[in-house]
Amino acid sequence: MVHFIVVIPPVNDNLEDAAAAIYKEAVKAAEGNGNESIYGVLSVVNGSPFSSDFFNAEQRGYPLVRIRDLSQCSPNIYTDEIINKMEYVSLGDILIGMDGEFIPHIWYGNTGVLNQRVCKVVPSKSCVHPLFLYLTLKPILAEVQRTQGGTTVIHIGKKDFDKMSCIALSADQHSKFSRLVTPLFERILNNYREILQLSEMQEAILAKLSR
């Protein structure tokens, strides 16, 4: 079991590298199109503040997706609070923590609710693939991180997204990119889900052995 958990991440690294190569070719083919605002390809959905009074570890309600959960996609805090503005997180969503370290994350956990200081970026057009957003935002967010690195507490917000731009692909170019990367994206998600399931099985076995 541990062997599979160790082996799968490098496989996904290779799949992401393959997707990045396709992205690079798509961007190169669209060089003559110029740039557009980042809002031409995505919308930013912000999380909401949930009251700690409703937090629980008994899995009542939904997993609460916080910044600390983005790398492992396995929240240990749930909430059964119902608020007016609840944003849900689903398999394959692209999430960004808005404090500390700005890295886009692919969500491969169970359906959860989006906590404050975490945002979800969603395609603004049906032809735009989530991996296009992921690969576009990676270097942009790294640059934001670099330029804000001297401050005590690093934040990202609307004003930062307002300044962002990306290469403008036509609808046909987006569709071609989506067609090429969709099989890779599905394999990445399936592999991550397998990691999560194996990790949960391992934790359950270790818990039984420790009793």
C-alpha atoms as a PDB file:
ATOM      1  CA  MET A   1       0.000   0.000   0.000  1.00  0.00           C
ATOM      2  CA  VAL A   2       2.752   2.444   0.959  1.00  0.00           C
ATOM      3  CA  HIS A   3       4.544   1.539  -2.272  1.00  0.00           C
ATOM      4  CA  PHE A   4       1.591   2.715  -4.363  1.00  0.00           C
ATOM      5  CA  ILE A   5       1.260   5.944  -2.376  1.00  0.00           C
ATOM      6  CA  VAL A   6       4.933   6.681  -3.028  1.00  0.00           C
ATOM      7  CA  VAL A   7       4.831   5.764  -6.735  1.00  0.00           C
ATOM      8  CA  ILE A   8       1.700   7.641  -7.845  1.00  0.00           C
ATOM      9  CA  PRO A   9       2.896  11.250  -7.236  1.00  0.00           C
ATOM     10  CA  PRO A  10       5.822  10.982  -9.736  1.00  0.00           C
ATOM     11  CA  VAL A  11       3.370   9.546 -12.282  1.00  0.00           C
ATOM     12  CA  ASN A  12       1.162  12.604 -11.818  1.00  0.00           C
ATOM     13  CA  ASP A  13       4.201  14.860 -12.141  1.00  0.00           C
ATOM     14  CA  ASN A  14       4.818  13.297 -15.556  1.00  0.00           C
ATOM     15  CA  LEU A  15       1.170  13.784 -16.522  1.00  0.00           C
ATOM     16  CA  GLU A  16       1.310  17.441 -15.458  1.00  0.00           C
ATOM     17  CA  ASP A  17       4.516  17.872 -17.466  1.00  0.00           C
ATOM     18  CA  ALA A  18       2.734  16.450 -20.516  1.00  0.00           C
ATOM     19  CA  ALA A  19      -0.178  18.851 -19.978  1.00  0.00           C
ATOM     20  CA  ALA A  20       2.280  21.741 -19.565  1.00  0.00           C
ATOM     21  CA  ALA A  21       3.913  20.852 -22.898  1.00  0.00           C
ATOM     22  CA  ILE A  22       0.500  20.929 -24.606  1.00  0.00           C
ATOM     23  CA  TYR A  23      -0.220  24.262 -22.896  1.00  0.00           C
ATOM     24  CA  LYS A  24       3.081  25.691 -24.135  1.00  0.00           C
ATOM     25  CA  GLU A  25       2.235  24.722 -27.712  1.00  0.00           C
ATOM     26  CA  ALA A  26      -1.261  26.208 -27.389  1.00  0.00           C
ATOM     27  CA  VAL A  27       0.137  29.500 -26.108  1.00  0.00           C
ATOM     28  CA  LYS A  28       2.748  29.572 -28.877  1.00  0.00           C
ATOM     29  CA  ALA A  29       0.064  29.016 -31.521  1.00  0.00           C
ATOM     30  CA  ALA A  30      -1.972  31.906 -30.069  1.00  0.00           C
ATOM     31  CA  GLU A  31       0.878  34.432 -29.862  1.00  0.00           C
ATOM     32  CA  GLY A  32      -0.606  36.551 -32.626  1.00  0.00           C
ATOM     33  CA  ASN A  33      -3.861  36.956 -30.726  1.00  0.00           C
ATOM     34  CA  GLY A  34      -2.448  39.260 -28.064  1.00  0.00           C
ATOM     35  CA  ASN A  35      -3.368  39.246 -24.386  1.00  0.00           C
ATOM     36  CA  GLU A  36      -6.651  39.557 -22.532  1.00  0.00           C
ATOM     37  CA  SER A  37      -7.724  40.188 -18.964  1.00  0.00           C
ATOM     38  CA  ILE A  38      -7.603  37.099 -16.785  1.00  0.00           C
ATOM     39  CA  TYR A  39     -11.352  37.564 -16.376  1.00  0.00           C
ATOM     40  CA  GLY A  40     -11.708  36.581 -20.018  1.00  0.00           C
ATOM     41  CA  VAL A  41     -11.054  32.976 -18.994  1.00  0.00           C
ATOM     42  CA  LEU A  42     -12.028  32.758 -15.325  1.00  0.00           C
ATOM     43  CA  SER A  43     -14.226  34.004 -12.538  1.00  0.00           C
ATOM     44  CA  VAL A  44     -13.082  34.170  -8.923  1.00  0.00           C
ATOM     45  CA  VAL A  45     -15.402  32.669  -6.301  1.00  0.00           C
ATOM     46  CA  ASN A  46     -14.584  33.514  -2.692  1.00  0.00           C
ATOM     47  CA  GLY A  47     -15.189  31.336   0.329  1.00  0.00           C
ATOM     48  CA  SER A  48     -17.369  32.343   3.266  1.00  0.00           C
ATOM     49  CA  PRO A  49     -16.793  32.734   7.019  1.00  0.00           C
ATOM     50  CA  PHE A  50     -18.195  29.769   8.920  1.00  0.00           C
ATOM     51  CA  SER A  51     -18.757  29.887  12.666  1.00  0.00           C
ATOM     52  CA  SER A  52     -16.502  27.643  14.740  1.00  0.00           C
ATOM     53  CA  ASP A  53     -19.567  26.822  16.844  1.00  0.00           C
ATOM     54  CA  PHE A  54     -20.590  24.379  14.113  1.00  0.00           C
ATOM     55  CA  PHE A  55     -17.171  22.776  13.579  1.00  0.00           C
ATOM     56  CA  ASN A  56     -17.033  19.064  14.306  1.00  0.00           C
ATOM     57  CA  ALA A  57     -14.845  16.005  13.808  1.00  0.00           C
ATOM     58  CA  GLU A  58     -17.776  13.583  13.588  1.00  0.00           C
ATOM     59  CA  GLN A  59     -18.296  14.230   9.865  1.00  0.00           C
ATOM     60  CA  ARG A  60     -21.602  16.029  10.298  1.00  0.00           C
ATOM     61  CA  GLY A  61     -22.391  18.215   7.320  1.00  0.00           C
ATOM     62  CA  TYR A  62     -19.631  18.956   4.803  1.00  0.00           C
ATOM     63  CA  PRO A  63     -15.834  18.981   4.983  1.00  0.00           C
ATOM     64  CA  LEU A  64     -14.647  22.563   5.524  1.00  0.00           C
ATOM     65  CA  VAL A  65     -11.974  23.373   2.941  1.00  0.00           C
ATOM     66  CA  ARG A  66      -9.394  25.650   4.553  1.00  0.00           C
ATOM     67  CA  ILE A  67      -5.977  26.802   3.344  1.00  0.00           C
ATOM     68  CA  ARG A  68      -4.279  24.038   5.340  1.00  0.00           C
ATOM     69  CA  ASP A  69      -6.331  21.408   3.465  1.00  0.00           C
ATOM     70  CA  LEU A  70      -5.353  22.398  -0.070  1.00  0.00           C
ATOM     71  CA  SER A  71      -2.258  20.229  -0.395  1.00  0.00           C
ATOM     72  CA  GLN A  72      -3.701  16.968   0.970  1.00  0.00           C
ATOM     73  CA  CYS A  73      -7.407  17.442   0.097  1.00  0.00           C
ATOM     74  CA  SER A  74      -8.451  15.649   3.283  1.00  0.00           C
ATOM     75  CA  PRO A  75     -10.101  18.078   5.739  1.00  0.00           C
ATOM     76  CA  ASN A  76     -10.510  16.818   9.302  1.00  0.00           C
ATOM     77  CA  ILE A  77     -12.983  19.530  10.264  1.00  0.00           C
ATOM     78  CA  TYR A  78     -16.608  19.428   9.131  1.00  0.00           C
ATOM     79  CA  THR A  79     -19.392  21.972   9.483  1.00  0.00           C
ATOM     80  CA  ASP A  80     -23.137  21.497   9.514  1.00  0.00           C
ATOM     81  CA  GLU A  81     -23.792  25.236   9.485  1.00  0.00           C
ATOM     82  CA  ILE A  82     -26.158  26.497   6.781  1.00  0.00           C
ATOM     83  CA  ILE A  83     -25.423  30.012   5.537  1.00  0.00           C
ATOM     84  CA  ASN A  84     -26.872  32.075   2.700  1.00  0.00           C
ATOM     85  CA  LYS A  85     -23.711  32.043   0.594  1.00  0.00           C
ATOM     86  CA  MET A  86     -22.260  28.539   0.581  1.00  0.00           C
ATOM     87  CA  GLU A  87     -19.765  27.760  -2.155  1.00  0.00           C
ATOM     88  CA  TYR A  88     -19.147  24.082  -2.765  1.00  0.00           C
ATOM     89  CA  VAL A  89     -15.857  22.474  -3.753  1.00  0.00           C
ATOM     90  CA  SER A  90     -15.979  19.517  -6.136  1.00  0.00           C
ATOM     91  CA  LEU A  91     -13.515  17.105  -7.703  1.00  0.00           C
ATOM     92  CA  GLY A  92     -11.272  18.890 -10.208  1.00  0.00           C
ATOM     93  CA  ASP A  93     -11.890  22.432  -8.949  1.00  0.00           C
ATOM     94  CA  ILE A  94      -8.921  24.818  -8.955  1.00  0.00           C
ATOM     95  CA  LEU A  95      -8.391  26.414  -5.535  1.00  0.00           C
ATOM     96  CA  ILE A  96      -6.033  29.109  -4.259  1.00  0.00           C
ATOM     97  CA  GLY A  97      -5.158  30.056  -0.702  1.00  0.00           C
ATOM     98  CA  MET A  98      -5.269  33.838  -0.347  1.00  0.00           C
ATOM     99  CA  ASP A  99      -2.763  34.111   2.508  1.00  0.00           C
ATOM    100  CA  GLY A 100       0.823  32.946   2.774  1.00  0.00           C
ATOM    101  CA  GLU A 101       1.738  30.842  -0.244  1.00  0.00           C
ATOM    102  CA  PHE A 102       0.049  31.433  -3.594  1.00  0.00           C
ATOM    103  CA  ILE A 103      -0.131  28.130  -5.437  1.00  0.00           C
ATOM    104  CA  PRO A 104      -3.065  26.843  -7.489  1.00  0.00           C
ATOM    105  CA  HIS A 105      -4.242  23.454  -6.246  1.00  0.00           C
ATOM    106  CA  ILE A 106      -6.324  20.811  -7.987  1.00  0.00           C
ATOM    107  CA  TRP A 107      -8.968  19.561  -5.558  1.00  0.00           C
ATOM    108  CA  TYR A 108      -9.247  15.766  -5.494  1.00  0.00           C
ATOM    109  CA  GLY A 109     -11.042  15.333  -2.182  1.00  0.00           C
ATOM    110  CA  ASN A 110     -14.701  14.852  -1.393  1.00  0.00           C
ATOM    111  CA  THR A 111     -17.290  17.547  -1.964  1.00  0.00           C
ATOM    112  CA  GLY A 112     -16.851  20.256   0.658  1.00  0.00           C
ATOM    113  CA  VAL A 113     -17.631  23.892   1.401  1.00  0.00           C
ATOM    114  CA  LEU A 114     -15.233  26.753   0.730  1.00  0.00           C
ATOM    115  CA  ASN A 115     -13.947  28.594   3.780  1.00  0.00           C
ATOM    116  CA  GLN A 116     -12.970  32.264   3.877  1.00  0.00           C
ATOM    117  CA  ARG A 117      -9.499  33.153   2.559  1.00  0.00           C
ATOM    118  CA  VAL A 118      -9.717  30.367   0.000  1.00  0.00           C
ATOM    119  CA  CYS A 119     -10.964  31.095  -3.498  1.00  0.00           C
ATOM    120  CA  LYS A 120     -12.072  28.919  -6.375  1.00  0.00           C
ATOM    121  CA  VAL A 121     -11.377  29.901  -9.984  1.00  0.00           C
ATOM    122  CA  VAL A 122     -13.906  28.640 -12.504  1.00  0.00           C
ATOM    123  CA  PRO A 123     -13.860  28.844 -16.306  1.00  0.00           C
ATOM    124  CA  SER A 124     -15.801  31.870 -17.540  1.00  0.00           C
ATOM    125  CA  LYS A 125     -16.494  30.137 -20.870  1.00  0.00           C
ATOM    126  CA  SER A 126     -17.518  26.556 -21.551  1.00  0.00           C
ATOM    127  CA  CYS A 127     -14.566  26.004 -23.891  1.00  0.00           C
ATOM    128  CA  VAL A 128     -11.980  26.841 -21.196  1.00  0.00           C
ATOM    129  CA  HIS A 129     -10.524  23.808 -19.419  1.00  0.00           C
ATOM    130  CA  PRO A 130      -9.647  23.914 -15.682  1.00  0.00           C
ATOM    131  CA  LEU A 131      -6.085  22.855 -16.527  1.00  0.00           C
ATOM    132  CA  PHE A 132      -5.728  25.976 -18.674  1.00  0.00           C
ATOM    133  CA  LEU A 133      -6.530  28.048 -15.589  1.00  0.00           C
ATOM    134  CA  TYR A 134      -4.177  25.979 -13.442  1.00  0.00           C
ATOM    135  CA  LEU A 135      -1.242  26.268 -15.846  1.00  0.00           C
ATOM    136  CA  THR A 136      -1.902  29.942 -16.578  1.00  0.00           C
ATOM    137  CA  LEU A 137      -2.073  30.938 -12.922  1.00  0.00           C
ATOM    138  CA  LYS A 138       0.991  28.997 -11.748  1.00  0.00           C
ATOM    139  CA  PRO A 139       3.635  31.475 -13.025  1.00  0.00           C
ATOM    140  CA  ILE A 140       1.421  34.513 -12.417  1.00  0.00           C
ATOM    141  CA  LEU A 141       0.904  33.612  -8.762  1.00  0.00           C
ATOM    142  CA  ALA A 142       4.594  32.780  -8.368  1.00  0.00           C
ATOM    143  CA  GLU A 143       5.402  36.314  -9.533  1.00  0.00           C
ATOM    144  CA  VAL A 144       2.876  37.805  -7.093  1.00  0.00           C
ATOM    145  CA  GLN A 145       4.537  35.732  -4.367  1.00  0.00           C
ATOM    146  CA  ARG A 146       7.978  36.993  -5.388  1.00  0.00           C
ATOM    147  CA  THR A 147       7.013  40.664  -5.454  1.00  0.00           C
ATOM    148  CA  GLN A 148       5.225  40.505  -2.092  1.00  0.00           C
ATOM    149  CA  GLY A 149       7.883  38.378  -0.435  1.00  0.00           C
ATOM    150  CA  GLY A 150       9.304  41.255   1.600  1.00  0.00           C
ATOM    151  CA  THR A 151       6.095  41.948   3.487  1.00  0.00           C
ATOM    152  CA  THR A 152       5.342  40.437   6.898  1.00  0.00           C
ATOM    153  CA  VAL A 153       2.003  38.856   5.972  1.00  0.00           C
ATOM    154  CA  ILE A 154       1.348  38.082   2.323  1.00  0.00           C
ATOM    155  CA  HIS A 155      -2.183  38.322   0.944  1.00  0.00           C
ATOM    156  CA  ILE A 156      -3.764  38.135  -2.467  1.00  0.00           C
ATOM    157  CA  GLY A 157      -7.051  39.770  -3.355  1.00  0.00           C
ATOM    158  CA  LYS A 158      -9.219  41.263  -6.078  1.00  0.00           C
ATOM    159  CA  LYS A 159      -6.748  44.030  -6.888  1.00  0.00           C
ATOM    160  CA  ASP A 160      -4.145  41.389  -7.738  1.00  0.00           C
ATOM    161  CA  PHE A 161      -6.512  39.492 -10.031  1.00  0.00           C
ATOM    162  CA  ASP A 162      -7.537  42.785 -11.659  1.00  0.00           C
ATOM    163  CA  LYS A 163      -3.937  43.264 -12.842  1.00  0.00           C
ATOM    164  CA  MET A 164      -3.575  39.773 -14.316  1.00  0.00           C
ATOM    165  CA  SER A 165      -3.672  38.978 -18.012  1.00  0.00           C
ATOM    166  CA  CYS A 166      -3.067  35.934 -20.180  1.00  0.00           C
ATOM    167  CA  ILE A 167      -2.664  34.986 -23.819  1.00  0.00           C
ATOM    168  CA  ALA A 168      -5.968  35.174 -25.685  1.00  0.00           C
ATOM    169  CA  LEU A 169      -6.885  31.828 -27.228  1.00  0.00           C
ATOM    170  CA  SER A 170      -9.762  31.573 -29.664  1.00  0.00           C
ATOM    171  CA  ALA A 171     -12.692  29.287 -28.854  1.00  0.00           C
ATOM    172  CA  ASP A 172     -11.331  26.734 -31.334  1.00  0.00           C
ATOM    173  CA  GLN A 173      -7.875  26.874 -29.747  1.00  0.00           C
ATOM    174  CA  HIS A 174      -9.380  26.394 -26.299  1.00  0.00           C
ATOM    175  CA  SER A 175     -11.436  23.462 -27.568  1.00  0.00           C
ATOM    176  CA  LYS A 176      -8.355  21.836 -29.086  1.00  0.00           C
ATOM    177  CA  PHE A 177      -6.418  22.276 -25.842  1.00  0.00           C
ATOM    178  CA  SER A 178      -9.320  20.819 -23.847  1.00  0.00           C
ATOM    179  CA  ARG A 179      -9.576  17.817 -26.146  1.00  0.00           C
ATOM    180  CA  LEU A 180      -5.868  17.047 -25.714  1.00  0.00           C
ATOM    181  CA  VAL A 181      -5.604  17.517 -21.948  1.00  0.00           C
ATOM    182  CA  THR A 182      -8.919  16.029 -20.790  1.00  0.00           C
ATOM    183  CA  PRO A 183      -7.584  12.412 -20.755  1.00  0.00           C
ATOM    184  CA  LEU A 184      -4.516  13.586 -18.808  1.00  0.00           C
ATOM    185  CA  PHE A 185      -6.657  15.522 -16.333  1.00  0.00           C
ATOM    186  CA  GLU A 186      -8.895  12.515 -15.746  1.00  0.00           C
ATOM    187  CA  ARG A 187      -5.872  10.306 -15.059  1.00  0.00           C
ATOM    188  CA  ILE A 188      -4.416  12.901 -12.680  1.00  0.00           C
ATOM    189  CA  LEU A 189      -7.679  13.069 -10.737  1.00  0.00           C
ATOM    190  CA  ASN A 190      -8.065   9.282 -10.650  1.00  0.00           C
ATOM    191  CA  ASN A 191      -4.512   8.871  -9.386  1.00  0.00           C
ATOM    192  CA  TYR A 192      -4.975  11.488  -6.683  1.00  0.00           C
ATOM    193  CA  ARG A 193      -8.232   9.872  -5.605  1.00  0.00           C
ATOM    194  CA  GLU A 194      -6.419   6.544  -5.313  1.00  0.00           C
ATOM    195  CA  ILE A 195      -3.757   8.177  -3.127  1.00  0.00           C
ATOM    196  CA  LEU A 196      -6.459   9.606  -0.883  1.00  0.00           C
ATOM    197  CA  GLN A 197      -8.286   6.288  -0.568  1.00  0.00           C
ATOM    198  CA  LEU A 198      -5.092   4.353   0.147  1.00  0.00           C
ATOM    199  CA  SER A 199      -4.032   6.914   2.754  1.00  0.00           C
ATOM    200  CA  GLU A 200      -7.412   6.650   4.480  1.00  0.00           C
ATOM    201  CA  MET A 201      -7.166   2.838   4.470  1.00  0.00           C
ATOM    202  CA  GLN A 202      -3.658   3.000   5.902  1.00  0.00           C
ATOM    203  CA  GLU A 203      -4.765   5.362   8.688  1.00  0.00           C
ATOM    204  CA  ALA A 204      -7.712   3.092   9.540  1.00  0.00           C
ATOM    205  CA  ILE A 205      -5.455   0.013   9.736  1.00  0.00           C
ATOM    206  CA  LEU A 206      -2.891   1.814  11.899  1.00  0.00           C
ATOM    207  CA  ALA A 207      -5.664   3.051  14.194  1.00  0.00           C
ATOM    208  CA  LYS A 208      -6.911  -0.526  14.683  1.00  0.00           C
ATOM    209  CA  LEU A 209      -3.396  -1.823  15.338  1.00  0.00           C
ATOM    210  CA  SER A 210      -2.783   0.830  17.987  1.00  0.00           C
ATOM    211  CA  ARG A 211      -5.838  -0.170  20.044  1.00  0.00           C
END
